[in-house]
PDB file of N, CA and C in Angstrom:
ATOM      1  N   MET A   1       0.840  -1.175   0.000  1.00  0.00           N
ATOM      2  CA  MET A   1       0.000   0.000   0.000  1.00  0.00           C
ATOM      3  C   MET A   1       0.886   1.239   0.000  1.00  0.00           C
ATOM      4  N   GLY A   2       0.457   2.252  -0.714  1.00  0.00           N
ATOM      5  CA  GLY A   2       1.227   3.478  -0.833  1.00  0.00           C
ATOM      6  C   GLY A   2       0.991   4.434   0.316  1.00  0.00           C
ATOM      7  N   ARG A   3       1.502   5.592   0.135  1.00  0.00           N
ATOM      8  CA  ARG A   3       1.376   6.657   1.124  1.00  0.00           C
ATOM      9  C   ARG A   3      -0.019   7.269   1.047  1.00  0.00           C
ATOM     10  N   LEU A   4      -0.648   7.493   2.180  1.00  0.00           N
ATOM     11  CA  LEU A   4      -1.983   8.077   2.212  1.00  0.00           C
ATOM     12  C   LEU A   4      -1.904   9.566   1.887  1.00  0.00           C
ATOM     13  N   THR A   5      -2.728   9.983   0.943  1.00  0.00           N
ATOM     14  CA  THR A   5      -2.819  11.387   0.553  1.00  0.00           C
ATOM     15  C   THR A   5      -4.252  11.843   0.758  1.00  0.00           C
ATOM     16  N   ALA A   6      -4.421  13.003   1.349  1.00  0.00           N
ATOM     17  CA  ALA A   6      -5.752  13.576   1.546  1.00  0.00           C
ATOM     18  C   ALA A   6      -5.790  14.964   0.921  1.00  0.00           C
ATOM     19  N   LEU A   7      -6.846  15.220   0.176  1.00  0.00           N
ATOM     20  CA  LEU A   7      -7.068  16.541  -0.418  1.00  0.00           C
ATOM     21  C   LEU A   7      -8.317  17.146   0.201  1.00  0.00           C
ATOM     22  N   VAL A   8      -8.215  18.367   0.654  1.00  0.00           N
ATOM     23  CA  VAL A   8      -9.380  19.077   1.181  1.00  0.00           C
ATOM     24  C   VAL A   8     -10.129  19.654  -0.012  1.00  0.00           C
ATOM     25  N   LEU A   9     -11.325  19.143  -0.253  1.00  0.00           N
ATOM     26  CA  LEU A   9     -12.136  19.636  -1.366  1.00  0.00           C
ATOM     27  C   LEU A   9     -12.930  20.869  -0.963  1.00  0.00           C
ATOM     28  N   GLY A  10     -13.322  20.921   0.281  1.00  0.00           N
ATOM     29  CA  GLY A  10     -14.067  22.054   0.806  1.00  0.00           C
ATOM     30  C   GLY A  10     -13.957  22.059   2.313  1.00  0.00           C
ATOM     31  N   SER A  11     -14.054  23.238   2.905  1.00  0.00           N
ATOM     32  CA  SER A  11     -13.885  23.328   4.356  1.00  0.00           C
ATOM     33  C   SER A  11     -14.895  24.259   5.016  1.00  0.00           C
ATOM     34  N   ALA A  12     -15.918  24.640   4.291  1.00  0.00           N
ATOM     35  CA  ALA A  12     -16.922  25.545   4.856  1.00  0.00           C
ATOM     36  C   ALA A  12     -18.108  24.759   5.399  1.00  0.00           C
ATOM     37  N   ALA A  13     -18.853  25.400   6.246  1.00  0.00           N
ATOM     38  CA  ALA A  13     -20.077  24.797   6.776  1.00  0.00           C
ATOM     39  C   ALA A  13     -21.125  24.726   5.668  1.00  0.00           C
ATOM     40  N   GLY A  14     -22.273  24.176   6.000  1.00  0.00           N
ATOM     41  CA  GLY A  14     -23.357  24.050   5.036  1.00  0.00           C
ATOM     42  C   GLY A  14     -23.657  25.359   4.331  1.00  0.00           C
ATOM     43  N   GLY A  15     -23.763  25.290   3.021  1.00  0.00           N
ATOM     44  CA  GLY A  15     -24.027  26.482   2.231  1.00  0.00           C
ATOM     45  C   GLY A  15     -22.776  27.123   1.674  1.00  0.00           C
ATOM     46  N   GLY A  16     -21.600  26.687   2.144  1.00  0.00           N
ATOM     47  CA  GLY A  16     -20.360  27.268   1.651  1.00  0.00           C
ATOM     48  C   GLY A  16     -20.097  28.636   2.261  1.00  0.00           C
ATOM     49  N   PHE A  17     -19.050  29.269   1.769  1.00  0.00           N
ATOM     50  CA  PHE A  17     -18.674  30.591   2.255  1.00  0.00           C
ATOM     51  C   PHE A  17     -18.279  31.457   1.076  1.00  0.00           C
ATOM     52  N   PRO A  18     -18.853  32.629   0.927  1.00  0.00           N
ATOM     53  CA  PRO A  18     -19.838  33.218   1.828  1.00  0.00           C
ATOM     54  C   PRO A  18     -21.207  32.560   1.657  1.00  0.00           C
ATOM     55  N   GLN A  19     -21.994  32.638   2.699  1.00  0.00           N
ATOM     56  CA  GLN A  19     -23.359  32.136   2.614  1.00  0.00           C
ATOM     57  C   GLN A  19     -24.118  32.976   1.592  1.00  0.00           C
ATOM     58  N   TRP A  20     -24.957  32.341   0.816  1.00  0.00           N
ATOM     59  CA  TRP A  20     -25.649  33.023  -0.280  1.00  0.00           C
ATOM     60  C   TRP A  20     -26.513  34.185   0.193  1.00  0.00           C
ATOM     61  N   ASN A  21     -26.941  34.159   1.453  1.00  0.00           N
ATOM     62  CA  ASN A  21     -27.858  35.190   1.937  1.00  0.00           C
ATOM     63  C   ASN A  21     -27.303  35.953   3.138  1.00  0.00           C
ATOM     64  N   CYS A  22     -25.987  35.966   3.297  1.00  0.00           N
ATOM     65  CA  CYS A  22     -25.398  36.539   4.508  1.00  0.00           C
ATOM     66  C   CYS A  22     -24.618  37.819   4.215  1.00  0.00           C
ATOM     67  N   ARG A  23     -24.762  38.768   5.106  1.00  0.00           N
ATOM     68  CA  ARG A  23     -24.001  40.015   5.023  1.00  0.00           C
ATOM     69  C   ARG A  23     -23.294  40.295   6.349  1.00  0.00           C
ATOM     70  N   CYS A  24     -22.933  39.227   7.084  1.00  0.00           N
ATOM     71  CA  CYS A  24     -22.158  39.430   8.309  1.00  0.00           C
ATOM     72  C   CYS A  24     -20.819  40.055   7.908  1.00  0.00           C
ATOM     73  N   PRO A  25     -20.049  40.574   8.855  1.00  0.00           N
ATOM     74  CA  PRO A  25     -18.791  41.240   8.485  1.00  0.00           C
ATOM     75  C   PRO A  25     -17.847  40.373   7.650  1.00  0.00           C
ATOM     76  N   THR A  26     -17.722  39.094   7.979  1.00  0.00           N
ATOM     77  CA  THR A  26     -16.795  38.238   7.230  1.00  0.00           C
ATOM     78  C   THR A  26     -17.332  37.929   5.837  1.00  0.00           C
ATOM     79  N   CYS A  27     -18.606  37.597   5.741  1.00  0.00           N
ATOM     80  CA  CYS A  27     -19.193  37.343   4.418  1.00  0.00           C
ATOM     81  C   CYS A  27     -19.161  38.608   3.567  1.00  0.00           C
ATOM     82  N   ARG A  28     -19.356  39.748   4.192  1.00  0.00           N
ATOM     83  CA  ARG A  28     -19.299  41.012   3.457  1.00  0.00           C
ATOM     84  C   ARG A  28     -17.929  41.188   2.797  1.00  0.00           C
ATOM     85  N   LEU A  29     -16.854  40.818   3.517  1.00  0.00           N
ATOM     86  CA  LEU A  29     -15.511  40.892   2.929  1.00  0.00           C
ATOM     87  C   LEU A  29     -15.408  39.976   1.708  1.00  0.00           C
ATOM     88  N   ALA A  30     -15.948  38.767   1.836  1.00  0.00           N
ATOM     89  CA  ALA A  30     -15.893  37.817   0.714  1.00  0.00           C
ATOM     90  C   ALA A  30     -16.677  38.336  -0.480  1.00  0.00           C
ATOM     91  N   TRP A  31     -17.876  38.868  -0.243  1.00  0.00           N
ATOM     92  CA  TRP A  31     -18.684  39.405  -1.344  1.00  0.00           C
ATOM     93  C   TRP A  31     -17.963  40.552  -2.041  1.00  0.00           C
ATOM     94  N   ALA A  32     -17.154  41.299  -1.304  1.00  0.00           N
ATOM     95  CA  ALA A  32     -16.427  42.434  -1.878  1.00  0.00           C
ATOM     96  C   ALA A  32     -15.133  42.004  -2.568  1.00  0.00           C
ATOM     97  N   GLY A  33     -14.778  40.721  -2.467  1.00  0.00           N
ATOM     98  CA  GLY A  33     -13.554  40.242  -3.104  1.00  0.00           C
ATOM     99  C   GLY A  33     -12.298  40.550  -2.318  1.00  0.00           C
ATOM    100  N   ASP A  34     -12.432  40.803  -1.033  1.00  0.00           N
ATOM    101  CA  ASP A  34     -11.285  41.110  -0.181  1.00  0.00           C
ATOM    102  C   ASP A  34     -10.313  39.927  -0.156  1.00  0.00           C
ATOM    103  N   ALA A  35      -9.049  40.184  -0.394  1.00  0.00           N
ATOM    104  CA  ALA A  35      -8.034  39.128  -0.470  1.00  0.00           C
ATOM    105  C   ALA A  35      -7.784  38.449   0.872  1.00  0.00           C
ATOM    106  N   ARG A  36      -8.253  39.022   1.960  1.00  0.00           N
ATOM    107  CA  ARG A  36      -8.040  38.410   3.275  1.00  0.00           C
ATOM    108  C   ARG A  36      -8.935  37.196   3.510  1.00  0.00           C
ATOM    109  N   VAL A  37      -9.966  37.048   2.719  1.00  0.00           N
ATOM    110  CA  VAL A  37     -10.862  35.895   2.856  1.00  0.00           C
ATOM    111  C   VAL A  37     -11.036  35.243   1.491  1.00  0.00           C
ATOM    112  N   ARG A  38     -11.207  33.932   1.487  1.00  0.00           N
ATOM    113  CA  ARG A  38     -11.396  33.205   0.230  1.00  0.00           C
ATOM    114  C   ARG A  38     -12.710  32.453   0.267  1.00  0.00           C
ATOM    115  N   PRO A  39     -13.484  32.522  -0.808  1.00  0.00           N
ATOM    116  CA  PRO A  39     -14.696  31.702  -0.865  1.00  0.00           C
ATOM    117  C   PRO A  39     -14.315  30.222  -0.739  1.00  0.00           C
ATOM    118  N   ARG A  40     -15.166  29.460  -0.077  1.00  0.00           N
ATOM    119  CA  ARG A  40     -14.904  28.036   0.124  1.00  0.00           C
ATOM    120  C   ARG A  40     -16.174  27.236  -0.127  1.00  0.00           C
ATOM    121  N   THR A  41     -15.987  26.032  -0.622  1.00  0.00           N
ATOM    122  CA  THR A  41     -17.109  25.120  -0.805  1.00  0.00           C
ATOM    123  C   THR A  41     -17.325  24.329   0.483  1.00  0.00           C
ATOM    124  N   GLN A  42     -18.420  23.576   0.502  1.00  0.00           N
ATOM    125  CA  GLN A  42     -18.791  22.831   1.697  1.00  0.00           C
ATOM    126  C   GLN A  42     -17.820  21.686   1.983  1.00  0.00           C
ATOM    127  N   ALA A  43     -17.723  21.336   3.248  1.00  0.00           N
ATOM    128  CA  ALA A  43     -16.727  20.382   3.737  1.00  0.00           C
ATOM    129  C   ALA A  43     -16.800  19.025   3.047  1.00  0.00           C
ATOM    130  N   SER A  44     -15.633  18.580   2.564  1.00  0.00           N
ATOM    131  CA  SER A  44     -15.486  17.273   1.935  1.00  0.00           C
ATOM    132  C   SER A  44     -14.001  16.998   1.753  1.00  0.00           C
ATOM    133  N   LEU A  45     -13.630  15.722   1.786  1.00  0.00           N
ATOM    134  CA  LEU A  45     -12.244  15.301   1.574  1.00  0.00           C
ATOM    135  C   LEU A  45     -12.188  14.231   0.502  1.00  0.00           C
ATOM    136  N   ALA A  46     -11.026  14.101  -0.125  1.00  0.00           N
ATOM    137  CA  ALA A  46     -10.742  12.976  -1.018  1.00  0.00           C
ATOM    138  C   ALA A  46      -9.447  12.349  -0.526  1.00  0.00           C
ATOM    139  N   VAL A  47      -9.425  11.019  -0.390  1.00  0.00           N
ATOM    140  CA  VAL A  47      -8.228  10.335   0.089  1.00  0.00           C
ATOM    141  C   VAL A  47      -7.855   9.201  -0.856  1.00  0.00           C
ATOM    142  N   THR A  48      -6.550   8.929  -0.931  1.00  0.00           N
ATOM    143  CA  THR A  48      -6.038   7.849  -1.770  1.00  0.00           C
ATOM    144  C   THR A  48      -4.763   7.295  -1.155  1.00  0.00           C
ATOM    145  N   ALA A  49      -4.476   6.050  -1.470  1.00  0.00           N
ATOM    146  CA  ALA A  49      -3.212   5.442  -1.062  1.00  0.00           C
ATOM    147  C   ALA A  49      -2.337   5.148  -2.272  1.00  0.00           C
ATOM    148  N   ASP A  50      -2.897   5.350  -3.495  1.00  0.00           N
ATOM    149  CA  ASP A  50      -2.121   5.021  -4.692  1.00  0.00           C
ATOM    150  C   ASP A  50      -2.184   6.090  -5.783  1.00  0.00           C
ATOM    151  N   ALA A  51      -2.821   7.220  -5.516  1.00  0.00           N
ATOM    152  CA  ALA A  51      -2.967   8.332  -6.464  1.00  0.00           C
ATOM    153  C   ALA A  51      -3.801   7.971  -7.694  1.00  0.00           C
ATOM    154  N   GLU A  52      -4.417   6.812  -7.697  1.00  0.00           N
ATOM    155  CA  GLU A  52      -5.260   6.376  -8.810  1.00  0.00           C
ATOM    156  C   GLU A  52      -6.713   6.169  -8.391  1.00  0.00           C
ATOM    157  N   ASN A  53      -6.911   5.594  -7.236  1.00  0.00           N
ATOM    158  CA  ASN A  53      -8.238   5.264  -6.722  1.00  0.00           C
ATOM    159  C   ASN A  53      -8.526   6.138  -5.509  1.00  0.00           C
ATOM    160  N   TRP A  54      -9.621   6.879  -5.597  1.00  0.00           N
ATOM    161  CA  TRP A  54      -9.938   7.863  -4.567  1.00  0.00           C
ATOM    162  C   TRP A  54     -11.218   7.506  -3.835  1.00  0.00           C
ATOM    163  N   VAL A  55     -11.250   7.830  -2.549  1.00  0.00           N
ATOM    164  CA  VAL A  55     -12.440   7.695  -1.716  1.00  0.00           C
ATOM    165  C   VAL A  55     -12.809   9.092  -1.240  1.00  0.00           C
ATOM    166  N   LEU A  56     -14.065   9.450  -1.422  1.00  0.00           N
ATOM    167  CA  LEU A  56     -14.548  10.730  -0.911  1.00  0.00           C
ATOM    168  C   LEU A  56     -15.045  10.535   0.509  1.00  0.00           C
ATOM    169  N   ILE A  57     -14.751  11.478   1.354  1.00  0.00           N
ATOM    170  CA  ILE A  57     -15.337  11.498   2.691  1.00  0.00           C
ATOM    171  C   ILE A  57     -16.375  12.607   2.660  1.00  0.00           C
ATOM    172  N   ASN A  58     -17.608  12.178   2.588  1.00  0.00           N
ATOM    173  CA  ASN A  58     -18.798  13.003   2.400  1.00  0.00           C
ATOM    174  C   ASN A  58     -18.902  13.471   0.948  1.00  0.00           C
ATOM    175  N   ALA A  59     -20.107  13.786   0.561  1.00  0.00           N
ATOM    176  CA  ALA A  59     -20.394  14.218  -0.810  1.00  0.00           C
ATOM    177  C   ALA A  59     -21.271  15.461  -0.726  1.00  0.00           C
ATOM    178  N   SER A  60     -20.629  16.598  -0.606  1.00  0.00           N
ATOM    179  CA  SER A  60     -21.373  17.844  -0.432  1.00  0.00           C
ATOM    180  C   SER A  60     -22.119  18.215  -1.710  1.00  0.00           C
ATOM    181  N   PRO A  61     -23.104  19.097  -1.600  1.00  0.00           N
ATOM    182  CA  PRO A  61     -23.797  19.569  -2.799  1.00  0.00           C
ATOM    183  C   PRO A  61     -22.848  20.261  -3.782  1.00  0.00           C
ATOM    184  N   ASP A  62     -21.682  20.679  -3.312  1.00  0.00           N
ATOM    185  CA  ASP A  62     -20.687  21.342  -4.160  1.00  0.00           C
ATOM    186  C   ASP A  62     -19.793  20.351  -4.902  1.00  0.00           C
ATOM    187  N   LEU A  63     -20.086  19.068  -4.834  1.00  0.00           N
ATOM    188  CA  LEU A  63     -19.200  18.046  -5.396  1.00  0.00           C
ATOM    189  C   LEU A  63     -18.838  18.275  -6.868  1.00  0.00           C
ATOM    190  N   PRO A  64     -19.771  18.612  -7.758  1.00  0.00           N
ATOM    191  CA  PRO A  64     -19.360  18.841  -9.149  1.00  0.00           C
ATOM    192  C   PRO A  64     -18.285  19.922  -9.280  1.00  0.00           C
ATOM    193  N   GLN A  65     -18.454  21.021  -8.578  1.00  0.00           N
ATOM    194  CA  GLN A  65     -17.458  22.103  -8.602  1.00  0.00           C
ATOM    195  C   GLN A  65     -16.137  21.618  -8.013  1.00  0.00           C
ATOM    196  N   GLN A  66     -16.207  20.865  -6.926  1.00  0.00           N
ATOM    197  CA  GLN A  66     -14.994  20.371  -6.277  1.00  0.00           C
ATOM    198  C   GLN A  66     -14.219  19.427  -7.199  1.00  0.00           C
ATOM    199  N   VAL A  67     -14.929  18.571  -7.926  1.00  0.00           N
ATOM    200  CA  VAL A  67     -14.263  17.663  -8.869  1.00  0.00           C
ATOM    201  C   VAL A  67     -13.621  18.461 -10.001  1.00  0.00           C
ATOM    202  N   ARG A  68     -14.347  19.445 -10.533  1.00  0.00           N
ATOM    203  CA  ARG A  68     -13.782  20.268 -11.615  1.00  0.00           C
ATOM    204  C   ARG A  68     -12.512  20.987 -11.173  1.00  0.00           C
ATOM    205  N   GLN A  69     -12.426  21.358  -9.909  1.00  0.00           N
ATOM    206  CA  GLN A  69     -11.278  22.112  -9.405  1.00  0.00           C
ATOM    207  C   GLN A  69     -10.135  21.224  -8.916  1.00  0.00           C
ATOM    208  N   THR A  70     -10.299  19.902  -8.969  1.00  0.00           N
ATOM    209  CA  THR A  70      -9.301  18.983  -8.416  1.00  0.00           C
ATOM    210  C   THR A  70      -8.871  17.996  -9.492  1.00  0.00           C
ATOM    211  N   LYS A  71      -7.766  18.287 -10.156  1.00  0.00           N
ATOM    212  CA  LYS A  71      -7.321  17.499 -11.305  1.00  0.00           C
ATOM    213  C   LYS A  71      -7.234  15.991 -11.043  1.00  0.00           C
ATOM    214  N   PRO A  72      -6.740  15.534  -9.892  1.00  0.00           N
ATOM    215  CA  PRO A  72      -6.681  14.076  -9.680  1.00  0.00           C
ATOM    216  C   PRO A  72      -8.049  13.387  -9.715  1.00  0.00           C
ATOM    217  N   LEU A  73      -9.135  14.145  -9.584  1.00  0.00           N
ATOM    218  CA  LEU A  73     -10.479  13.560  -9.606  1.00  0.00           C
ATOM    219  C   LEU A  73     -11.154  13.675 -10.969  1.00  0.00           C
ATOM    220  N   HIS A  74     -10.463  14.254 -11.949  1.00  0.00           N
ATOM    221  CA  HIS A  74     -11.056  14.407 -13.277  1.00  0.00           C
ATOM    222  C   HIS A  74     -11.310  13.042 -13.914  1.00  0.00           C
ATOM    223  N   PRO A  75     -12.305  12.953 -14.806  1.00  0.00           N
ATOM    224  CA  PRO A  75     -12.607  11.691 -15.487  1.00  0.00           C
ATOM    225  C   PRO A  75     -11.395  11.159 -16.244  1.00  0.00           C
ATOM    226  N   ARG A  76     -11.356   9.839 -16.363  1.00  0.00           N
ATOM    227  CA  ARG A  76     -10.265   9.173 -17.085  1.00  0.00           C
ATOM    228  C   ARG A  76     -10.852   8.164 -18.053  1.00  0.00           C
ATOM    229  N   GLY A  77     -10.065   7.779 -19.023  1.00  0.00           N
ATOM    230  CA  GLY A  77     -10.506   6.765 -19.971  1.00  0.00           C
ATOM    231  C   GLY A  77     -11.138   7.381 -21.200  1.00  0.00           C
ATOM    232  N   GLU A  78     -11.648   6.522 -22.059  1.00  0.00           N
ATOM    233  CA  GLU A  78     -12.200   6.976 -23.331  1.00  0.00           C
ATOM    234  C   GLU A  78     -13.601   7.550 -23.209  1.00  0.00           C
ATOM    235  N   ALA A  79     -14.469   6.899 -22.476  1.00  0.00           N
ATOM    236  CA  ALA A  79     -15.844   7.381 -22.359  1.00  0.00           C
ATOM    237  C   ALA A  79     -16.026   7.978 -20.967  1.00  0.00           C
ATOM    238  N   ARG A  80     -16.686   7.245 -20.117  1.00  0.00           N
ATOM    239  CA  ARG A  80     -16.855   7.696 -18.738  1.00  0.00           C
ATOM    240  C   ARG A  80     -15.992   6.834 -17.842  1.00  0.00           C
ATOM    241  N   GLY A  81     -15.225   7.474 -17.037  1.00  0.00           N
ATOM    242  CA  GLY A  81     -14.401   6.753 -16.083  1.00  0.00           C
ATOM    243  C   GLY A  81     -13.998   7.705 -14.982  1.00  0.00           C
ATOM    244  N   SER A  82     -14.111   7.261 -13.772  1.00  0.00           N
ATOM    245  CA  SER A  82     -13.813   8.132 -12.652  1.00  0.00           C
ATOM    246  C   SER A  82     -12.826   7.475 -11.709  1.00  0.00           C
ATOM    247  N   PRO A  83     -11.889   8.245 -11.193  1.00  0.00           N
ATOM    248  CA  PRO A  83     -10.996   7.713 -10.174  1.00  0.00           C
ATOM    249  C   PRO A  83     -11.671   7.624  -8.806  1.00  0.00           C
ATOM    250  N   ILE A  84     -12.891   8.158  -8.690  1.00  0.00           N
ATOM    251  CA  ILE A  84     -13.638   8.072  -7.431  1.00  0.00           C
ATOM    252  C   ILE A  84     -14.251   6.678  -7.353  1.00  0.00           C
ATOM    253  N   LYS A  85     -13.801   5.906  -6.390  1.00  0.00           N
ATOM    254  CA  LYS A  85     -14.226   4.512  -6.280  1.00  0.00           C
ATOM    255  C   LYS A  85     -15.230   4.270  -5.163  1.00  0.00           C
ATOM    256  N   ALA A  86     -15.291   5.176  -4.189  1.00  0.00           N
ATOM    257  CA  ALA A  86     -16.198   4.979  -3.063  1.00  0.00           C
ATOM    258  C   ALA A  86     -16.448   6.316  -2.378  1.00  0.00           C
ATOM    259  N   VAL A  87     -17.520   6.339  -1.595  1.00  0.00           N
ATOM    260  CA  VAL A  87     -17.849   7.507  -0.782  1.00  0.00           C
ATOM    261  C   VAL A  87     -18.121   7.016   0.633  1.00  0.00           C
ATOM    262  N   LEU A  88     -17.443   7.601   1.590  1.00  0.00           N
ATOM    263  CA  LEU A  88     -17.663   7.306   3.000  1.00  0.00           C
ATOM    264  C   LEU A  88     -18.445   8.468   3.592  1.00  0.00           C
ATOM    265  N   LEU A  89     -19.641   8.182   4.075  1.00  0.00           N
ATOM    266  CA  LEU A  89     -20.480   9.227   4.662  1.00  0.00           C
ATOM    267  C   LEU A  89     -20.296   9.228   6.171  1.00  0.00           C
ATOM    268  N   THR A  90     -20.078  10.408   6.724  1.00  0.00           N
ATOM    269  CA  THR A  90     -19.902  10.515   8.171  1.00  0.00           C
ATOM    270  C   THR A  90     -21.213  10.837   8.877  1.00  0.00           C
ATOM    271  N   GLY A  91     -22.270  11.007   8.112  1.00  0.00           N
ATOM    272  CA  GLY A  91     -23.579  11.296   8.677  1.00  0.00           C
ATOM    273  C   GLY A  91     -24.606  11.329   7.564  1.00  0.00           C
ATOM    274  N   ALA A  92     -25.827  11.698   7.917  1.00  0.00           N
ATOM    275  CA  ALA A  92     -26.906  11.712   6.931  1.00  0.00           C
ATOM    276  C   ALA A  92     -27.484  13.108   6.722  1.00  0.00           C
ATOM    277  N   GLU A  93     -26.752  14.131   7.126  1.00  0.00           N
ATOM    278  CA  GLU A  93     -27.201  15.502   6.889  1.00  0.00           C
ATOM    279  C   GLU A  93     -27.161  15.793   5.391  1.00  0.00           C
ATOM    280  N   ILE A  94     -28.044  16.652   4.934  1.00  0.00           N
ATOM    281  CA  ILE A  94     -28.110  16.979   3.508  1.00  0.00           C
ATOM    282  C   ILE A  94     -26.769  17.493   2.993  1.00  0.00           C
ATOM    283  N   ASP A  95     -26.025  18.219   3.834  1.00  0.00           N
ATOM    284  CA  ASP A  95     -24.727  18.759   3.424  1.00  0.00           C
ATOM    285  C   ASP A  95     -23.672  17.671   3.245  1.00  0.00           C
ATOM    286  N   GLN A  96     -23.932  16.482   3.751  1.00  0.00           N
ATOM    287  CA  GLN A  96     -22.989  15.370   3.633  1.00  0.00           C
ATOM    288  C   GLN A  96     -23.352  14.411   2.506  1.00  0.00           C
ATOM    289  N   VAL A  97     -24.609  14.449   2.048  1.00  0.00           N
ATOM    290  CA  VAL A  97     -25.060  13.426   1.097  1.00  0.00           C
ATOM    291  C   VAL A  97     -25.578  13.959  -0.239  1.00  0.00           C
ATOM    292  N   ALA A  98     -25.918  15.230  -0.339  1.00  0.00           N
ATOM    293  CA  ALA A  98     -26.567  15.745  -1.552  1.00  0.00           C
ATOM    294  C   ALA A  98     -25.714  15.571  -2.803  1.00  0.00           C
ATOM    295  N   GLY A  99     -24.402  15.553  -2.667  1.00  0.00           N
ATOM    296  CA  GLY A  99     -23.523  15.357  -3.814  1.00  0.00           C
ATOM    297  C   GLY A  99     -23.620  13.970  -4.420  1.00  0.00           C
ATOM    298  N   LEU A 100     -24.194  13.022  -3.680  1.00  0.00           N
ATOM    299  CA  LEU A 100     -24.375  11.678  -4.235  1.00  0.00           C
ATOM    300  C   LEU A 100     -25.226  11.718  -5.497  1.00  0.00           C
ATOM    301  N   LEU A 101     -26.142  12.667  -5.573  1.00  0.00           N
ATOM    302  CA  LEU A 101     -26.981  12.792  -6.770  1.00  0.00           C
ATOM    303  C   LEU A 101     -26.136  13.070  -8.011  1.00  0.00           C
ATOM    304  N   SER A 102     -25.017  13.748  -7.839  1.00  0.00           N
ATOM    305  CA  SER A 102     -24.126  14.038  -8.970  1.00  0.00           C
ATOM    306  C   SER A 102     -23.373  12.802  -9.438  1.00  0.00           C
ATOM    307  N   LEU A 103     -23.301  11.792  -8.598  1.00  0.00           N
ATOM    308  CA  LEU A 103     -22.563  10.569  -8.934  1.00  0.00           C
ATOM    309  C   LEU A 103     -23.471   9.482  -9.493  1.00  0.00           C
ATOM    310  N   ARG A 104     -24.706   9.803  -9.785  1.00  0.00           N
ATOM    311  CA  ARG A 104     -25.687   8.789 -10.170  1.00  0.00           C
ATOM    312  C   ARG A 104     -25.444   8.173 -11.543  1.00  0.00           C
ATOM    313  N   GLU A 105     -24.703   8.837 -12.411  1.00  0.00           N
ATOM    314  CA  GLU A 105     -24.438   8.275 -13.735  1.00  0.00           C
ATOM    315  C   GLU A 105     -23.298   7.285 -13.649  1.00  0.00           C
ATOM    316  N   ARG A 106     -23.497   6.124 -14.209  1.00  0.00           N
ATOM    317  CA  ARG A 106     -22.492   5.062 -14.152  1.00  0.00           C
ATOM    318  C   ARG A 106     -21.695   5.014 -15.440  1.00  0.00           C
ATOM    319  N   GLU A 107     -20.608   4.296 -15.361  1.00  0.00           N
ATOM    320  CA  GLU A 107     -19.795   4.078 -16.551  1.00  0.00           C
ATOM    321  C   GLU A 107     -20.568   3.194 -17.519  1.00  0.00           C
ATOM    322  N   PRO A 108     -20.325   3.346 -18.839  1.00  0.00           N
ATOM    323  CA  PRO A 108     -21.068   2.525 -19.805  1.00  0.00           C
ATOM    324  C   PRO A 108     -20.724   1.047 -19.672  1.00  0.00           C
TER     325      PRO A 108
END
């Protein structure tokens, strides 16, 4: 077995950061594009021991965006192929499972 690698796909609470409907001082900075804060997607991790086969820890509603932004998770092969082999859910909250809907299409 290889070395364990973990990628943080998102680290924000439900709804991401900034919250779509929030104008608190910190979200206000994000909406203004202040360099001191960075927008973040909802909490999720990707882990691998071989850099080929990945396991997601939770599947946030932001999963499609997170996959697009993370090259090791991009599709592989000629038609449909994904290095994502499994999803480990740490709970049943909507913020942990809604991304499963994005994974519903199978390989041909």
